[in-house]
Amino acid sequence: MNKLQSIIGSTVIIIASFAFFSTPAYAEQNYTSNESINNAVSSIVSKEFNNRAQHDPSIAEIGPVTVELTQTFIQENGTDPSQLADIFLHNLDNITTNNTMDEKFNSPLILRGTQTYSACVSSFLMQIGIKWICQDFRASVLNGAVTNKLMLGTSYDKGIGIGTWSHNRSWFEQPTSKELDVNYKGNVSAVIKGGSISYPLTVMAIFDVNASNLKQHFQ
């Protein structure tokens, strides 16, 4: 009898101990689950953005993409990352304007002064609304060649949209004496229906010598 009581007592202690420690483990599992969902959705969206970027020569580099879904969005749409990514991308595409730019605004080269220019690039990745990413610079053309290059300030966004651009750095590349590539890197971020999205983005605007000036070459 004592032996049976001892076994029962030990069993009760084990069950009680399991019940006591299982609650924190469950809470931790919940957090890990949400984090895993966001990581999986971010990976899917990153792949989609990289696929799209292959068809956009103005994009030099993108990613990784970080997506953070709201708890409400997950509760309403389930926990399948593929389904969540599809819905999130659909929401993003619904507010992304493609190929609807005003003709005047679609020629962003601005001769701001003697040998002073604005390089502006717009792509599906920045058109969360209607947005351009620009970088002012100065350059001279001497004997048909680009010389005296100088960045003016930092890159910035212009236009109407919910996406924002945060400058990181800008630099020139000159493949030939008659071509000047203006590169600028920053971070795009936006809050849309379902959550937030952010990603580093490097874009490139190509300029060619045109008589004694430069003209942006649209890729």
C-alpha atoms as a PDB file:
ATOM      1  CA  MET A   1       0.000   0.000   0.000  1.00  0.00           C
ATOM      2  CA  ASN A   2       2.799   2.390   0.905  1.00  0.00           C
ATOM      3  CA  LYS A   3       4.510   1.495  -2.351  1.00  0.00           C
ATOM      4  CA  LEU A   4       1.307   2.225  -4.314  1.00  0.00           C
ATOM      5  CA  GLN A   5       0.869   5.544  -2.506  1.00  0.00           C
ATOM      6  CA  SER A   6       4.461   6.410  -3.260  1.00  0.00           C
ATOM      7  CA  ILE A   7       3.971   5.688  -6.983  1.00  0.00           C
ATOM      8  CA  ILE A   8       0.760   7.729  -7.087  1.00  0.00           C
ATOM      9  CA  GLY A   9       2.400  10.561  -5.175  1.00  0.00           C
ATOM     10  CA  SER A  10       5.354  10.633  -7.554  1.00  0.00           C
ATOM     11  CA  THR A  11       3.008  10.631 -10.557  1.00  0.00           C
ATOM     12  CA  VAL A  12       1.065  13.590  -9.159  1.00  0.00           C
ATOM     13  CA  ILE A  13       4.305  15.496  -8.564  1.00  0.00           C
ATOM     14  CA  ILE A  14       5.477  14.820 -12.127  1.00  0.00           C
ATOM     15  CA  ILE A  15       2.138  15.911 -13.626  1.00  0.00           C
ATOM     16  CA  ALA A  16       2.067  19.004 -11.434  1.00  0.00           C
ATOM     17  CA  SER A  17       5.634  19.860 -12.411  1.00  0.00           C
ATOM     18  CA  PHE A  18       4.840  19.444 -16.132  1.00  0.00           C
ATOM     19  CA  ALA A  19       1.764  21.650 -15.807  1.00  0.00           C
ATOM     20  CA  PHE A  20       3.774  24.303 -13.983  1.00  0.00           C
ATOM     21  CA  PHE A  21       6.559  24.515 -16.581  1.00  0.00           C
ATOM     22  CA  SER A  22       4.435  24.031 -19.706  1.00  0.00           C
ATOM     23  CA  THR A  23       2.860  27.514 -19.639  1.00  0.00           C
ATOM     24  CA  PRO A  24       6.077  29.505 -20.230  1.00  0.00           C
ATOM     25  CA  ALA A  25       7.079  27.013 -22.947  1.00  0.00           C
ATOM     26  CA  TYR A  26       3.716  27.571 -24.691  1.00  0.00           C
ATOM     27  CA  ALA A  27       4.139  31.341 -24.572  1.00  0.00           C
ATOM     28  CA  GLU A  28       7.642  31.044 -25.994  1.00  0.00           C
ATOM     29  CA  GLN A  29       6.348  28.741 -28.758  1.00  0.00           C
ATOM     30  CA  ASN A  30       3.718  31.325 -29.695  1.00  0.00           C
ATOM     31  CA  TYR A  31       6.360  34.015 -30.119  1.00  0.00           C
ATOM     32  CA  THR A  32       8.601  31.693 -32.111  1.00  0.00           C
ATOM     33  CA  SER A  33       5.681  30.764 -34.361  1.00  0.00           C
ATOM     34  CA  ASN A  34       4.914  34.397 -35.230  1.00  0.00           C
ATOM     35  CA  GLU A  35       8.581  35.098 -35.807  1.00  0.00           C
ATOM     36  CA  SER A  36       8.878  32.053 -38.045  1.00  0.00           C
ATOM     37  CA  ILE A  37       5.853  33.134 -40.063  1.00  0.00           C
ATOM     38  CA  ASN A  38       7.335  36.591 -40.625  1.00  0.00           C
ATOM     39  CA  ASN A  39      10.688  35.085 -41.604  1.00  0.00           C
ATOM     40  CA  ALA A  40       9.048  32.694 -44.064  1.00  0.00           C
ATOM     41  CA  VAL A  41       6.891  35.432 -45.608  1.00  0.00           C
ATOM     42  CA  SER A  42       9.931  37.715 -45.864  1.00  0.00           C
ATOM     43  CA  SER A  43      11.824  34.991 -47.723  1.00  0.00           C
ATOM     44  CA  ILE A  44       8.965  34.469 -50.203  1.00  0.00           C
ATOM     45  CA  VAL A  45       8.572  38.201 -50.843  1.00  0.00           C
ATOM     46  CA  SER A  46      12.355  38.560 -51.240  1.00  0.00           C
ATOM     47  CA  LYS A  47      12.371  35.915 -53.962  1.00  0.00           C
ATOM     48  CA  GLU A  48       9.470  37.601 -55.741  1.00  0.00           C
ATOM     49  CA  PHE A  49      11.168  40.999 -55.588  1.00  0.00           C
ATOM     50  CA  ASN A  50      14.422  39.548 -56.896  1.00  0.00           C
ATOM     51  CA  ASN A  51      12.535  37.930 -59.784  1.00  0.00           C
ATOM     52  CA  ARG A  52      10.936  41.254 -60.651  1.00  0.00           C
ATOM     53  CA  ALA A  53      14.247  43.096 -60.295  1.00  0.00           C
ATOM     54  CA  GLN A  54      15.745  40.969 -63.068  1.00  0.00           C
ATOM     55  CA  HIS A  55      13.428  42.798 -65.476  1.00  0.00           C
ATOM     56  CA  ASP A  56      14.293  46.255 -64.150  1.00  0.00           C
ATOM     57  CA  PRO A  57      17.772  47.423 -65.274  1.00  0.00           C
ATOM     58  CA  SER A  58      17.618  50.447 -62.972  1.00  0.00           C
ATOM     59  CA  ILE A  59      17.924  48.129 -59.962  1.00  0.00           C
ATOM     60  CA  ALA A  60      21.499  47.200 -59.181  1.00  0.00           C
ATOM     61  CA  GLU A  61      20.833  45.319 -55.950  1.00  0.00           C
ATOM     62  CA  ILE A  62      17.945  44.601 -53.609  1.00  0.00           C
ATOM     63  CA  GLY A  63      17.322  42.853 -50.339  1.00  0.00           C
ATOM     64  CA  PRO A  64      16.907  41.116 -48.162  1.00  0.00           C
ATOM     65  CA  VAL A  65      13.261  42.083 -47.700  1.00  0.00           C
ATOM     66  CA  THR A  66      11.832  42.224 -44.182  1.00  0.00           C
ATOM     67  CA  VAL A  67       8.087  41.807 -43.734  1.00  0.00           C
ATOM     68  CA  GLU A  68       6.414  42.149 -40.351  1.00  0.00           C
ATOM     69  CA  LEU A  69       2.762  41.125 -40.390  1.00  0.00           C
ATOM     70  CA  THR A  70       0.220  42.376 -37.898  1.00  0.00           C
ATOM     71  CA  GLN A  71      -1.308  39.881 -35.506  1.00  0.00           C
ATOM     72  CA  THR A  72      -4.751  40.738 -36.869  1.00  0.00           C
ATOM     73  CA  PHE A  73      -3.630  39.957 -40.428  1.00  0.00           C
ATOM     74  CA  ILE A  74      -2.342  36.538 -39.336  1.00  0.00           C
ATOM     75  CA  GLN A  75      -5.495  35.770 -37.368  1.00  0.00           C
ATOM     76  CA  GLU A  76      -7.718  36.693 -40.322  1.00  0.00           C
ATOM     77  CA  ASN A  77      -5.729  34.848 -42.995  1.00  0.00           C
ATOM     78  CA  GLY A  78      -4.212  31.810 -41.271  1.00  0.00           C
ATOM     79  CA  THR A  79      -0.617  30.805 -40.708  1.00  0.00           C
ATOM     80  CA  ASP A  80       0.358  29.436 -44.115  1.00  0.00           C
ATOM     81  CA  PRO A  81       3.340  31.627 -45.194  1.00  0.00           C
ATOM     82  CA  SER A  82       2.655  31.134 -48.903  1.00  0.00           C
ATOM     83  CA  GLN A  83      -0.945  32.288 -48.588  1.00  0.00           C
ATOM     84  CA  LEU A  84       0.021  35.197 -46.351  1.00  0.00           C
ATOM     85  CA  ALA A  85       2.744  36.278 -48.791  1.00  0.00           C
ATOM     86  CA  ASP A  86       0.306  36.141 -51.725  1.00  0.00           C
ATOM     87  CA  ILE A  87      -2.245  38.299 -49.912  1.00  0.00           C
ATOM     88  CA  PHE A  88       0.416  40.747 -48.726  1.00  0.00           C
ATOM     89  CA  LEU A  89       1.862  41.096 -52.245  1.00  0.00           C
ATOM     90  CA  HIS A  90      -1.668  41.566 -53.608  1.00  0.00           C
ATOM     91  CA  ASN A  91      -2.235  44.393 -51.125  1.00  0.00           C
ATOM     92  CA  LEU A  92       1.087  45.917 -52.144  1.00  0.00           C
ATOM     93  CA  ASP A  93       0.361  45.642 -55.859  1.00  0.00           C
ATOM     94  CA  ASN A  94      -3.040  47.251 -55.364  1.00  0.00           C
ATOM     95  CA  ILE A  95      -1.358  50.484 -54.256  1.00  0.00           C
ATOM     96  CA  THR A  96       1.578  50.238 -56.652  1.00  0.00           C
ATOM     97  CA  THR A  97       1.202  52.322 -59.791  1.00  0.00           C
ATOM     98  CA  ASN A  98       2.935  50.831 -62.815  1.00  0.00           C
ATOM     99  CA  ASN A  99       3.292  52.513 -66.214  1.00  0.00           C
ATOM    100  CA  THR A 100       0.853  55.306 -65.407  1.00  0.00           C
ATOM    101  CA  MET A 101       3.344  58.142 -65.022  1.00  0.00           C
ATOM    102  CA  ASP A 102       2.540  61.531 -66.481  1.00  0.00           C
ATOM    103  CA  GLU A 103       4.633  62.037 -69.626  1.00  0.00           C
ATOM    104  CA  LYS A 104       6.202  65.229 -68.304  1.00  0.00           C
ATOM    105  CA  PHE A 105       7.042  63.585 -64.983  1.00  0.00           C
ATOM    106  CA  ASN A 106       8.385  60.579 -66.857  1.00  0.00           C
ATOM    107  CA  SER A 107      11.331  62.678 -68.070  1.00  0.00           C
ATOM    108  CA  PRO A 108      13.036  63.368 -64.755  1.00  0.00           C
ATOM    109  CA  LEU A 109      16.299  64.815 -66.061  1.00  0.00           C
ATOM    110  CA  ILE A 110      16.381  68.393 -64.823  1.00  0.00           C
ATOM    111  CA  LEU A 111      19.065  70.822 -65.917  1.00  0.00           C
ATOM    112  CA  ARG A 112      19.235  72.646 -62.586  1.00  0.00           C
ATOM    113  CA  GLY A 113      22.001  74.977 -63.692  1.00  0.00           C
ATOM    114  CA  THR A 114      25.167  74.923 -65.725  1.00  0.00           C
ATOM    115  CA  GLN A 115      26.407  71.306 -65.685  1.00  0.00           C
ATOM    116  CA  THR A 116      24.102  70.457 -62.775  1.00  0.00           C
ATOM    117  CA  TYR A 117      21.689  67.532 -63.065  1.00  0.00           C
ATOM    118  CA  SER A 118      19.167  65.426 -61.153  1.00  0.00           C
ATOM    119  CA  ALA A 119      19.341  61.675 -61.675  1.00  0.00           C
ATOM    120  CA  CYS A 120      15.895  60.200 -60.990  1.00  0.00           C
ATOM    121  CA  VAL A 121      14.880  56.561 -61.073  1.00  0.00           C
ATOM    122  CA  SER A 122      11.428  55.064 -60.654  1.00  0.00           C
ATOM    123  CA  SER A 123      10.699  51.358 -60.477  1.00  0.00           C
ATOM    124  CA  PHE A 124       7.904  49.049 -59.370  1.00  0.00           C
ATOM    125  CA  LEU A 125       9.791  48.591 -56.095  1.00  0.00           C
ATOM    126  CA  MET A 126       9.639  52.266 -55.242  1.00  0.00           C
ATOM    127  CA  GLN A 127       6.266  53.097 -56.762  1.00  0.00           C
ATOM    128  CA  ILE A 128       4.350  52.479 -53.559  1.00  0.00           C
ATOM    129  CA  GLY A 129       2.164  55.277 -54.819  1.00  0.00           C
ATOM    130  CA  ILE A 130       4.109  57.417 -57.305  1.00  0.00           C
ATOM    131  CA  LYS A 131       7.716  57.849 -56.248  1.00  0.00           C
ATOM    132  CA  TRP A 132      11.058  58.727 -57.742  1.00  0.00           C
ATOM    133  CA  ILE A 133      14.448  58.376 -56.084  1.00  0.00           C
ATOM    134  CA  CYS A 134      16.766  61.210 -57.081  1.00  0.00           C
ATOM    135  CA  GLN A 135      20.368  62.279 -56.665  1.00  0.00           C
ATOM    136  CA  ASP A 136      21.647  65.714 -57.682  1.00  0.00           C
ATOM    137  CA  PHE A 137      25.136  65.966 -59.093  1.00  0.00           C
ATOM    138  CA  ARG A 138      27.452  68.144 -61.128  1.00  0.00           C
ATOM    139  CA  ALA A 139      29.550  67.034 -64.084  1.00  0.00           C
ATOM    140  CA  SER A 140      31.317  68.605 -67.041  1.00  0.00           C
ATOM    141  CA  VAL A 141      31.671  67.453 -70.612  1.00  0.00           C
ATOM    142  CA  LEU A 142      35.035  68.313 -72.162  1.00  0.00           C
ATOM    143  CA  ASN A 143      35.969  67.172 -75.669  1.00  0.00           C
ATOM    144  CA  GLY A 144      33.134  64.648 -75.608  1.00  0.00           C
ATOM    145  CA  ALA A 145      34.194  63.109 -72.301  1.00  0.00           C
ATOM    146  CA  VAL A 146      32.687  63.313 -68.798  1.00  0.00           C
ATOM    147  CA  THR A 147      34.899  65.099 -66.256  1.00  0.00           C
ATOM    148  CA  ASN A 148      34.711  66.890 -62.889  1.00  0.00           C
ATOM    149  CA  LYS A 149      32.052  64.698 -61.275  1.00  0.00           C
ATOM    150  CA  LEU A 150      30.642  65.755 -57.923  1.00  0.00           C
ATOM    151  CA  MET A 151      27.661  64.548 -55.867  1.00  0.00           C
ATOM    152  CA  LEU A 152      25.458  67.296 -54.466  1.00  0.00           C
ATOM    153  CA  GLY A 153      23.944  66.361 -51.137  1.00  0.00           C
ATOM    154  CA  THR A 154      22.298  62.990 -50.567  1.00  0.00           C
ATOM    155  CA  SER A 155      19.699  61.021 -52.518  1.00  0.00           C
ATOM    156  CA  TYR A 156      16.036  61.708 -51.797  1.00  0.00           C
ATOM    157  CA  ASP A 157      12.542  60.655 -52.849  1.00  0.00           C
ATOM    158  CA  LYS A 158       9.955  62.822 -54.577  1.00  0.00           C
ATOM    159  CA  GLY A 159       6.372  62.338 -55.618  1.00  0.00           C
ATOM    160  CA  ILE A 160       3.263  60.987 -53.938  1.00  0.00           C
ATOM    161  CA  GLY A 161       3.188  57.661 -52.120  1.00  0.00           C
ATOM    162  CA  ILE A 162       3.360  55.921 -48.777  1.00  0.00           C
ATOM    163  CA  GLY A 163       6.845  54.514 -49.256  1.00  0.00           C
ATOM    164  CA  THR A 164       9.814  56.394 -47.812  1.00  0.00           C
ATOM    165  CA  TRP A 165      13.464  56.438 -48.868  1.00  0.00           C
ATOM    166  CA  SER A 166      16.371  56.695 -46.431  1.00  0.00           C
ATOM    167  CA  HIS A 167      19.756  57.558 -47.972  1.00  0.00           C
ATOM    168  CA  ASN A 168      22.818  55.418 -47.344  1.00  0.00           C
ATOM    169  CA  ARG A 169      25.483  56.405 -49.878  1.00  0.00           C
ATOM    170  CA  SER A 170      26.030  57.523 -53.484  1.00  0.00           C
ATOM    171  CA  TRP A 171      28.875  56.944 -55.939  1.00  0.00           C
ATOM    172  CA  PHE A 172      29.849  57.255 -59.588  1.00  0.00           C
ATOM    173  CA  GLU A 173      30.950  54.610 -62.052  1.00  0.00           C
ATOM    174  CA  GLN A 174      32.288  55.497 -65.498  1.00  0.00           C
ATOM    175  CA  PRO A 175      32.383  52.508 -67.890  1.00  0.00           C
ATOM    176  CA  THR A 176      33.534  54.734 -70.779  1.00  0.00           C
ATOM    177  CA  SER A 177      34.528  58.371 -71.210  1.00  0.00           C
ATOM    178  CA  LYS A 178      31.083  59.061 -72.690  1.00  0.00           C
ATOM    179  CA  GLU A 179      28.969  57.310 -70.055  1.00  0.00           C
ATOM    180  CA  LEU A 180      28.390  58.110 -66.407  1.00  0.00           C
ATOM    181  CA  ASP A 181      26.517  55.823 -64.021  1.00  0.00           C
ATOM    182  CA  VAL A 182      25.075  57.440 -60.915  1.00  0.00           C
ATOM    183  CA  ASN A 183      24.526  54.859 -58.157  1.00  0.00           C
ATOM    184  CA  TYR A 184      22.755  55.430 -54.895  1.00  0.00           C
ATOM    185  CA  LYS A 185      21.854  53.080 -52.096  1.00  0.00           C
ATOM    186  CA  GLY A 186      19.276  53.453 -49.370  1.00  0.00           C
ATOM    187  CA  ASN A 187      16.412  51.760 -47.592  1.00  0.00           C
ATOM    188  CA  VAL A 188      12.787  51.629 -48.709  1.00  0.00           C
ATOM    189  CA  SER A 189      10.107  51.234 -46.056  1.00  0.00           C
ATOM    190  CA  ALA A 190       6.329  51.360 -45.998  1.00  0.00           C
ATOM    191  CA  VAL A 191       3.350  50.378 -43.891  1.00  0.00           C
ATOM    192  CA  ILE A 192       0.478  48.862 -45.855  1.00  0.00           C
ATOM    193  CA  LYS A 193      -2.611  46.809 -45.114  1.00  0.00           C
ATOM    194  CA  GLY A 194      -1.414  43.718 -43.275  1.00  0.00           C
ATOM    195  CA  GLY A 195       1.916  44.926 -41.986  1.00  0.00           C
ATOM    196  CA  SER A 196       5.149  46.687 -42.842  1.00  0.00           C
ATOM    197  CA  ILE A 197       7.859  46.088 -45.427  1.00  0.00           C
ATOM    198  CA  SER A 198      11.429  47.344 -45.692  1.00  0.00           C
ATOM    199  CA  TYR A 199      14.457  46.513 -47.779  1.00  0.00           C
ATOM    200  CA  PRO A 200      17.818  47.959 -48.851  1.00  0.00           C
ATOM    201  CA  LEU A 201      17.857  49.038 -52.482  1.00  0.00           C
ATOM    202  CA  THR A 202      20.636  50.161 -54.820  1.00  0.00           C
ATOM    203  CA  VAL A 203      19.601  51.873 -58.036  1.00  0.00           C
ATOM    204  CA  MET A 204      21.562  53.160 -61.011  1.00  0.00           C
ATOM    205  CA  ALA A 205      20.840  56.030 -63.400  1.00  0.00           C
ATOM    206  CA  ILE A 206      22.826  55.978 -66.656  1.00  0.00           C
ATOM    207  CA  PHE A 207      23.856  59.208 -68.371  1.00  0.00           C
ATOM    208  CA  ASP A 208      25.329  59.564 -71.858  1.00  0.00           C
ATOM    209  CA  VAL A 209      27.178  62.472 -73.410  1.00  0.00           C
ATOM    210  CA  ASN A 210      24.838  64.535 -75.579  1.00  0.00           C
ATOM    211  CA  ALA A 211      26.780  67.329 -77.290  1.00  0.00           C
ATOM    212  CA  SER A 212      28.106  69.458 -74.419  1.00  0.00           C
ATOM    213  CA  ASN A 213      25.691  68.101 -71.820  1.00  0.00           C
ATOM    214  CA  LEU A 214      24.570  64.804 -70.300  1.00  0.00           C
ATOM    215  CA  LYS A 215      21.309  63.046 -71.019  1.00  0.00           C
ATOM    216  CA  GLN A 216      19.811  60.318 -68.876  1.00  0.00           C
ATOM    217  CA  HIS A 217      19.530  57.025 -70.685  1.00  0.00           C
ATOM    218  CA  PHE A 218      16.370  55.174 -69.708  1.00  0.00           C
ATOM    219  CA  GLN A 219      17.146  51.504 -69.274  1.00  0.00           C
END
